[in-house]
Amino acid sequence: MPHEAVFRITSDRAPVIYKALLPELADEVNPRSVTVCELESDRVLLLRVSAKDIPALRAALNMALRLVNVSDEVSGLV
């Protein structure tokens, strides 16, 4: 896929966010984009989004970053 965005997100809650994202990303079926989430360390979450075109990249980024944000907010409430 020719377009890619990579984010390294540093948070004390990185493992919790990672666990929250896994089921969502495992069910993702989109022929135009691929989202990969990895835990680089106890505090660093790696989010890599690849897409065939810019509109697909934007849509996949919106979804992935929204999931990260919601997961972080909810884990902060617990």
PDB file of N, CA and C in Angstrom:
ATOM      1  N   MET A   1       0.855  -1.174   0.000  1.00  0.00           N
ATOM      2  CA  MET A   1       0.000   0.000   0.000  1.00  0.00           C
ATOM      3  C   MET A   1       0.902   1.239   0.000  1.00  0.00           C
ATOM      4  N   PRO A   2       0.623   2.164  -0.878  1.00  0.00           N
ATOM      5  CA  PRO A   2       1.555   3.279  -1.068  1.00  0.00           C
ATOM      6  C   PRO A   2       1.519   4.383  -0.014  1.00  0.00           C
ATOM      7  N   HIS A   3       0.466   4.502   0.763  1.00  0.00           N
ATOM      8  CA  HIS A   3       0.365   5.583   1.742  1.00  0.00           C
ATOM      9  C   HIS A   3       0.388   4.990   3.143  1.00  0.00           C
ATOM     10  N   GLU A   4       1.178   5.629   4.036  1.00  0.00           N
ATOM     11  CA  GLU A   4       1.300   5.082   5.385  1.00  0.00           C
ATOM     12  C   GLU A   4       1.495   6.206   6.392  1.00  0.00           C
ATOM     13  N   ALA A   5       0.929   6.020   7.578  1.00  0.00           N
ATOM     14  CA  ALA A   5       1.133   6.921   8.711  1.00  0.00           C
ATOM     15  C   ALA A   5       1.496   6.061   9.914  1.00  0.00           C
ATOM     16  N   VAL A   6       2.510   6.510  10.663  1.00  0.00           N
ATOM     17  CA  VAL A   6       2.968   5.768  11.834  1.00  0.00           C
ATOM     18  C   VAL A   6       2.941   6.701  13.027  1.00  0.00           C
ATOM     19  N   PHE A   7       2.334   6.233  14.114  1.00  0.00           N
ATOM     20  CA  PHE A   7       2.266   7.009  15.352  1.00  0.00           C
ATOM     21  C   PHE A   7       2.898   6.201  16.473  1.00  0.00           C
ATOM     22  N   ARG A   8       3.716   6.835  17.271  1.00  0.00           N
ATOM     23  CA  ARG A   8       4.216   6.251  18.507  1.00  0.00           C
ATOM     24  C   ARG A   8       3.579   7.056  19.632  1.00  0.00           C
ATOM     25  N   ILE A   9       2.700   6.404  20.358  1.00  0.00           N
ATOM     26  CA  ILE A   9       1.919   7.069  21.396  1.00  0.00           C
ATOM     27  C   ILE A   9       2.477   6.664  22.752  1.00  0.00           C
ATOM     28  N   THR A  10       2.932   7.647  23.503  1.00  0.00           N
ATOM     29  CA  THR A  10       3.492   7.386  24.825  1.00  0.00           C
ATOM     30  C   THR A  10       2.431   7.656  25.879  1.00  0.00           C
ATOM     31  N   SER A  11       2.193   6.644  26.705  1.00  0.00           N
ATOM     32  CA  SER A  11       1.184   6.755  27.759  1.00  0.00           C
ATOM     33  C   SER A  11       1.462   5.711  28.826  1.00  0.00           C
ATOM     34  N   ASP A  12       1.172   6.059  30.067  1.00  0.00           N
ATOM     35  CA  ASP A  12       1.278   5.079  31.152  1.00  0.00           C
ATOM     36  C   ASP A  12       0.248   3.971  30.968  1.00  0.00           C
ATOM     37  N   ARG A  13      -0.793   4.249  30.191  1.00  0.00           N
ATOM     38  CA  ARG A  13      -1.863   3.275  29.962  1.00  0.00           C
ATOM     39  C   ARG A  13      -1.728   2.548  28.629  1.00  0.00           C
ATOM     40  N   ALA A  14      -0.547   2.564  28.023  1.00  0.00           N
ATOM     41  CA  ALA A  14      -0.333   1.937  26.713  1.00  0.00           C
ATOM     42  C   ALA A  14      -0.778   0.473  26.675  1.00  0.00           C
ATOM     43  N   PRO A  15      -0.447  -0.362  27.692  1.00  0.00           N
ATOM     44  CA  PRO A  15      -0.902  -1.759  27.632  1.00  0.00           C
ATOM     45  C   PRO A  15      -2.429  -1.905  27.658  1.00  0.00           C
ATOM     46  N   VAL A  16      -3.092  -1.051  28.411  1.00  0.00           N
ATOM     47  CA  VAL A  16      -4.558  -1.090  28.500  1.00  0.00           C
ATOM     48  C   VAL A  16      -5.174  -0.670  27.163  1.00  0.00           C
ATOM     49  N   ILE A  17      -4.643   0.373  26.565  1.00  0.00           N
ATOM     50  CA  ILE A  17      -5.136   0.846  25.275  1.00  0.00           C
ATOM     51  C   ILE A  17      -4.919  -0.236  24.214  1.00  0.00           C
ATOM     52  N   TYR A  18      -3.750  -0.847  24.237  1.00  0.00           N
ATOM     53  CA  TYR A  18      -3.422  -1.917  23.286  1.00  0.00           C
ATOM     54  C   TYR A  18      -4.434  -3.058  23.386  1.00  0.00           C
ATOM     55  N   LYS A  19      -4.716  -3.506  24.592  1.00  0.00           N
ATOM     56  CA  LYS A  19      -5.673  -4.602  24.786  1.00  0.00           C
ATOM     57  C   LYS A  19      -7.075  -4.214  24.334  1.00  0.00           C
ATOM     58  N   ALA A  20      -7.429  -2.951  24.497  1.00  0.00           N
ATOM     59  CA  ALA A  20      -8.748  -2.484  24.069  1.00  0.00           C
ATOM     60  C   ALA A  20      -8.855  -2.419  22.545  1.00  0.00           C
ATOM     61  N   LEU A  21      -7.749  -2.109  21.873  1.00  0.00           N
ATOM     62  CA  LEU A  21      -7.779  -1.970  20.417  1.00  0.00           C
ATOM     63  C   LEU A  21      -7.750  -3.309  19.683  1.00  0.00           C
ATOM     64  N   LEU A  22      -7.124  -4.320  20.260  1.00  0.00           N
ATOM     65  CA  LEU A  22      -6.952  -5.591  19.562  1.00  0.00           C
ATOM     66  C   LEU A  22      -8.243  -6.186  19.002  1.00  0.00           C
ATOM     67  N   PRO A  23      -9.312  -6.312  19.785  1.00  0.00           N
ATOM     68  CA  PRO A  23     -10.541  -6.891  19.215  1.00  0.00           C
ATOM     69  C   PRO A  23     -11.130  -6.047  18.082  1.00  0.00           C
ATOM     70  N   GLU A  24     -11.033  -4.737  18.211  1.00  0.00           N
ATOM     71  CA  GLU A  24     -11.577  -3.856  17.171  1.00  0.00           C
ATOM     72  C   GLU A  24     -10.809  -4.006  15.869  1.00  0.00           C
ATOM     73  N   LEU A  25      -9.488  -4.062  15.963  1.00  0.00           N
ATOM     74  CA  LEU A  25      -8.670  -4.156  14.761  1.00  0.00           C
ATOM     75  C   LEU A  25      -8.698  -5.555  14.152  1.00  0.00           C
ATOM     76  N   ALA A  26      -8.923  -6.570  14.977  1.00  0.00           N
ATOM     77  CA  ALA A  26      -8.998  -7.944  14.471  1.00  0.00           C
ATOM     78  C   ALA A  26     -10.242  -8.143  13.597  1.00  0.00           C
ATOM     79  N   ASP A  27     -11.313  -7.429  13.914  1.00  0.00           N
ATOM     80  CA  ASP A  27     -12.561  -7.554  13.157  1.00  0.00           C
ATOM     81  C   ASP A  27     -12.609  -6.634  11.937  1.00  0.00           C
ATOM     82  N   GLU A  28     -11.618  -5.786  11.791  1.00  0.00           N
ATOM     83  CA  GLU A  28     -11.606  -4.816  10.702  1.00  0.00           C
ATOM     84  C   GLU A  28     -11.451  -5.517   9.352  1.00  0.00           C
ATOM     85  N   VAL A  29     -12.375  -5.237   8.455  1.00  0.00           N
ATOM     86  CA  VAL A  29     -12.304  -5.788   7.103  1.00  0.00           C
ATOM     87  C   VAL A  29     -12.470  -4.615   6.145  1.00  0.00           C
ATOM     88  N   ASN A  30     -11.355  -4.164   5.617  1.00  0.00           N
ATOM     89  CA  ASN A  30     -11.385  -3.050   4.686  1.00  0.00           C
ATOM     90  C   ASN A  30     -10.351  -3.328   3.594  1.00  0.00           C
ATOM     91  N   PRO A  31     -10.789  -3.495   2.363  1.00  0.00           N
ATOM     92  CA  PRO A  31      -9.836  -3.813   1.293  1.00  0.00           C
ATOM     93  C   PRO A  31      -8.911  -2.656   0.924  1.00  0.00           C
ATOM     94  N   ARG A  32      -9.223  -1.451   1.395  1.00  0.00           N
ATOM     95  CA  ARG A  32      -8.426  -0.278   1.019  1.00  0.00           C
ATOM     96  C   ARG A  32      -7.415   0.135   2.068  1.00  0.00           C
ATOM     97  N   SER A  33      -7.491  -0.426   3.302  1.00  0.00           N
ATOM     98  CA  SER A  33      -6.542  -0.020   4.335  1.00  0.00           C
ATOM     99  C   SER A  33      -6.260  -1.159   5.311  1.00  0.00           C
ATOM    100  N   VAL A  34      -5.125  -1.030   5.986  1.00  0.00           N
ATOM    101  CA  VAL A  34      -4.708  -1.990   7.007  1.00  0.00           C
ATOM    102  C   VAL A  34      -4.197  -1.207   8.203  1.00  0.00           C
ATOM    103  N   THR A  35      -4.662  -1.567   9.394  1.00  0.00           N
ATOM    104  CA  THR A  35      -4.215  -0.924  10.620  1.00  0.00           C
ATOM    105  C   THR A  35      -3.563  -1.970  11.511  1.00  0.00           C
ATOM    106  N   VAL A  36      -2.343  -1.659  11.962  1.00  0.00           N
ATOM    107  CA  VAL A  36      -1.589  -2.556  12.823  1.00  0.00           C
ATOM    108  C   VAL A  36      -1.248  -1.813  14.103  1.00  0.00           C
ATOM    109  N   CYS A  37      -1.452  -2.492  15.229  1.00  0.00           N
ATOM    110  CA  CYS A  37      -1.159  -1.917  16.534  1.00  0.00           C
ATOM    111  C   CYS A  37      -0.192  -2.860  17.249  1.00  0.00           C
ATOM    112  N   GLU A  38       0.883  -2.309  17.794  1.00  0.00           N
ATOM    113  CA  GLU A  38       1.868  -3.094  18.524  1.00  0.00           C
ATOM    114  C   GLU A  38       2.235  -2.361  19.806  1.00  0.00           C
ATOM    115  N   LEU A  39       2.635  -3.115  20.790  1.00  0.00           N
ATOM    116  CA  LEU A  39       3.111  -2.548  22.044  1.00  0.00           C
ATOM    117  C   LEU A  39       4.634  -2.581  21.988  1.00  0.00           C
ATOM    118  N   GLU A  40       5.268  -1.408  21.811  1.00  0.00           N
ATOM    119  CA  GLU A  40       6.723  -1.342  21.717  1.00  0.00           C
ATOM    120  C   GLU A  40       7.390  -1.513  23.074  1.00  0.00           C
ATOM    121  N   SER A  41       6.762  -0.958  24.106  1.00  0.00           N
ATOM    122  CA  SER A  41       7.270  -1.071  25.469  1.00  0.00           C
ATOM    123  C   SER A  41       6.095  -0.873  26.418  1.00  0.00           C
ATOM    124  N   ASP A  42       6.375  -0.833  27.706  1.00  0.00           N
ATOM    125  CA  ASP A  42       5.304  -0.639  28.687  1.00  0.00           C
ATOM    126  C   ASP A  42       4.628   0.721  28.573  1.00  0.00           C
ATOM    127  N   ARG A  43       5.262   1.656  27.869  1.00  0.00           N
ATOM    128  CA  ARG A  43       4.707   3.000  27.767  1.00  0.00           C
ATOM    129  C   ARG A  43       4.512   3.481  26.330  1.00  0.00           C
ATOM    130  N   VAL A  44       4.875   2.654  25.342  1.00  0.00           N
ATOM    131  CA  VAL A  44       4.816   3.119  23.952  1.00  0.00           C
ATOM    132  C   VAL A  44       3.971   2.173  23.095  1.00  0.00           C
ATOM    133  N   LEU A  45       2.954   2.750  22.483  1.00  0.00           N
ATOM    134  CA  LEU A  45       2.060   2.038  21.576  1.00  0.00           C
ATOM    135  C   LEU A  45       2.399   2.477  20.154  1.00  0.00           C
ATOM    136  N   LEU A  46       2.613   1.526  19.266  1.00  0.00           N
ATOM    137  CA  LEU A  46       2.902   1.823  17.871  1.00  0.00           C
ATOM    138  C   LEU A  46       1.643   1.566  17.055  1.00  0.00           C
ATOM    139  N   LEU A  47       1.218   2.570  16.317  1.00  0.00           N
ATOM    140  CA  LEU A  47       0.034   2.461  15.472  1.00  0.00           C
ATOM    141  C   LEU A  47       0.465   2.757  14.039  1.00  0.00           C
ATOM    142  N   ARG A  48       0.296   1.770  13.143  1.00  0.00           N
ATOM    143  CA  ARG A  48       0.693   1.916  11.746  1.00  0.00           C
ATOM    144  C   ARG A  48      -0.546   1.715  10.872  1.00  0.00           C
ATOM    145  N   VAL A  49      -0.836   2.721  10.054  1.00  0.00           N
ATOM    146  CA  VAL A  49      -1.999   2.660   9.165  1.00  0.00           C
ATOM    147  C   VAL A  49      -1.503   2.803   7.730  1.00  0.00           C
ATOM    148  N   SER A  50      -1.850   1.830   6.893  1.00  0.00           N
ATOM    149  CA  SER A  50      -1.483   1.852   5.474  1.00  0.00           C
ATOM    150  C   SER A  50      -2.765   1.832   4.650  1.00  0.00           C
ATOM    151  N   ALA A  51      -2.717   2.526   3.506  1.00  0.00           N
ATOM    152  CA  ALA A  51      -3.910   2.573   2.658  1.00  0.00           C
ATOM    153  C   ALA A  51      -3.523   2.730   1.200  1.00  0.00           C
ATOM    154  N   LYS A  52      -4.448   2.322   0.339  1.00  0.00           N
ATOM    155  CA  LYS A  52      -4.224   2.413  -1.106  1.00  0.00           C
ATOM    156  C   LYS A  52      -4.316   3.837  -1.618  1.00  0.00           C
ATOM    157  N   ASP A  53      -5.114   4.676  -0.947  1.00  0.00           N
ATOM    158  CA  ASP A  53      -5.296   6.053  -1.396  1.00  0.00           C
ATOM    159  C   ASP A  53      -5.466   6.966  -0.186  1.00  0.00           C
ATOM    160  N   ILE A  54      -5.359   8.259  -0.418  1.00  0.00           N
ATOM    161  CA  ILE A  54      -5.417   9.241   0.664  1.00  0.00           C
ATOM    162  C   ILE A  54      -6.775   9.253   1.381  1.00  0.00           C
ATOM    163  N   PRO A  55      -7.903   9.218   0.680  1.00  0.00           N
ATOM    164  CA  PRO A  55      -9.179   9.193   1.407  1.00  0.00           C
ATOM    165  C   PRO A  55      -9.315   7.968   2.324  1.00  0.00           C
ATOM    166  N   ALA A  56      -8.836   6.829   1.874  1.00  0.00           N
ATOM    167  CA  ALA A  56      -8.886   5.624   2.709  1.00  0.00           C
ATOM    168  C   ALA A  56      -7.962   5.765   3.910  1.00  0.00           C
ATOM    169  N   LEU A  57      -6.801   6.389   3.722  1.00  0.00           N
ATOM    170  CA  LEU A  57      -5.875   6.622   4.833  1.00  0.00           C
ATOM    171  C   LEU A  57      -6.508   7.541   5.868  1.00  0.00           C
ATOM    172  N   ARG A  58      -7.137   8.610   5.411  1.00  0.00           N
ATOM    173  CA  ARG A  58      -7.788   9.553   6.323  1.00  0.00           C
ATOM    174  C   ARG A  58      -8.890   8.869   7.118  1.00  0.00           C
ATOM    175  N   ALA A  59      -9.707   8.076   6.452  1.00  0.00           N
ATOM    176  CA  ALA A  59     -10.807   7.391   7.139  1.00  0.00           C
ATOM    177  C   ALA A  59     -10.274   6.388   8.163  1.00  0.00           C
ATOM    178  N   ALA A  60      -9.243   5.630   7.793  1.00  0.00           N
ATOM    179  CA  ALA A  60      -8.671   4.647   8.717  1.00  0.00           C
ATOM    180  C   ALA A  60      -7.998   5.340   9.902  1.00  0.00           C
ATOM    181  N   LEU A  61      -7.329   6.458   9.648  1.00  0.00           N
ATOM    182  CA  LEU A  61      -6.704   7.209  10.739  1.00  0.00           C
ATOM    183  C   LEU A  61      -7.746   7.775  11.694  1.00  0.00           C
ATOM    184  N   ASN A  62      -8.813   8.318  11.147  1.00  0.00           N
ATOM    185  CA  ASN A  62      -9.887   8.841  11.999  1.00  0.00           C
ATOM    186  C   ASN A  62     -10.419   7.751  12.923  1.00  0.00           C
ATOM    187  N   MET A  63     -10.647   6.572  12.379  1.00  0.00           N
ATOM    188  CA  MET A  63     -11.175   5.479  13.179  1.00  0.00           C
ATOM    189  C   MET A  63     -10.169   5.023  14.234  1.00  0.00           C
ATOM    190  N   ALA A  64      -8.931   4.804  13.831  1.00  0.00           N
ATOM    191  CA  ALA A  64      -7.915   4.290  14.754  1.00  0.00           C
ATOM    192  C   ALA A  64      -7.601   5.287  15.864  1.00  0.00           C
ATOM    193  N   LEU A  65      -7.434   6.539  15.516  1.00  0.00           N
ATOM    194  CA  LEU A  65      -7.101   7.545  16.534  1.00  0.00           C
ATOM    195  C   LEU A  65      -8.286   7.806  17.466  1.00  0.00           C
ATOM    196  N   ARG A  66      -9.497   7.716  16.943  1.00  0.00           N
ATOM    197  CA  ARG A  66     -10.679   7.853  17.792  1.00  0.00           C
ATOM    198  C   ARG A  66     -10.735   6.699  18.799  1.00  0.00           C
ATOM    199  N   LEU A  67     -10.423   5.482  18.359  1.00  0.00           N
ATOM    200  CA  LEU A  67     -10.399   4.329  19.263  1.00  0.00           C
ATOM    201  C   LEU A  67      -9.332   4.499  20.347  1.00  0.00           C
ATOM    202  N   VAL A  68      -8.169   4.995  19.961  1.00  0.00           N
ATOM    203  CA  VAL A  68      -7.107   5.244  20.950  1.00  0.00           C
ATOM    204  C   VAL A  68      -7.576   6.271  21.970  1.00  0.00           C
ATOM    205  N   ASN A  69      -8.169   7.339  21.501  1.00  0.00           N
ATOM    206  CA  ASN A  69      -8.628   8.403  22.392  1.00  0.00           C
ATOM    207  C   ASN A  69      -9.710   7.905  23.354  1.00  0.00           C
ATOM    208  N   VAL A  70     -10.688   7.206  22.840  1.00  0.00           N
ATOM    209  CA  VAL A  70     -11.773   6.694  23.689  1.00  0.00           C
ATOM    210  C   VAL A  70     -11.233   5.680  24.693  1.00  0.00           C
ATOM    211  N   SER A  71     -10.345   4.798  24.254  1.00  0.00           N
ATOM    212  CA  SER A  71      -9.756   3.807  25.154  1.00  0.00           C
ATOM    213  C   SER A  71      -8.979   4.479  26.279  1.00  0.00           C
ATOM    214  N   ASP A  72      -8.236   5.520  25.944  1.00  0.00           N
ATOM    215  CA  ASP A  72      -7.477   6.247  26.955  1.00  0.00           C
ATOM    216  C   ASP A  72      -8.395   6.940  27.951  1.00  0.00           C
ATOM    217  N   GLU A  73      -9.434   7.594  27.451  1.00  0.00           N
ATOM    218  CA  GLU A  73     -10.375   8.285  28.322  1.00  0.00           C
ATOM    219  C   GLU A  73     -11.102   7.319  29.260  1.00  0.00           C
ATOM    220  N   VAL A  74     -11.553   6.201  28.732  1.00  0.00           N
ATOM    221  CA  VAL A  74     -12.287   5.232  29.543  1.00  0.00           C
ATOM    222  C   VAL A  74     -11.369   4.587  30.568  1.00  0.00           C
ATOM    223  N   SER A  75     -10.148   4.249  30.180  1.00  0.00           N
ATOM    224  CA  SER A  75      -9.228   3.636  31.146  1.00  0.00           C
ATOM    225  C   SER A  75      -8.859   4.617  32.250  1.00  0.00           C
ATOM    226  N   GLY A  76      -8.922   5.914  31.961  1.00  0.00           N
ATOM    227  CA  GLY A  76      -8.666   6.923  32.985  1.00  0.00           C
ATOM    228  C   GLY A  76      -9.802   7.035  33.994  1.00  0.00           C
ATOM    229  N   LEU A  77     -10.986   6.606  33.630  1.00  0.00           N
ATOM    230  CA  LEU A  77     -12.129   6.668  34.531  1.00  0.00           C
ATOM    231  C   LEU A  77     -12.173   5.489  35.506  1.00  0.00           C
ATOM    232  N   VAL A  78     -11.537   4.394  35.093  1.00  0.00           N
ATOM    233  CA  VAL A  78     -11.600   3.166  35.906  1.00  0.00           C
ATOM    234  C   VAL A  78     -10.660   3.265  37.077  1.00  0.00           C
TER     235      VAL A  78
END
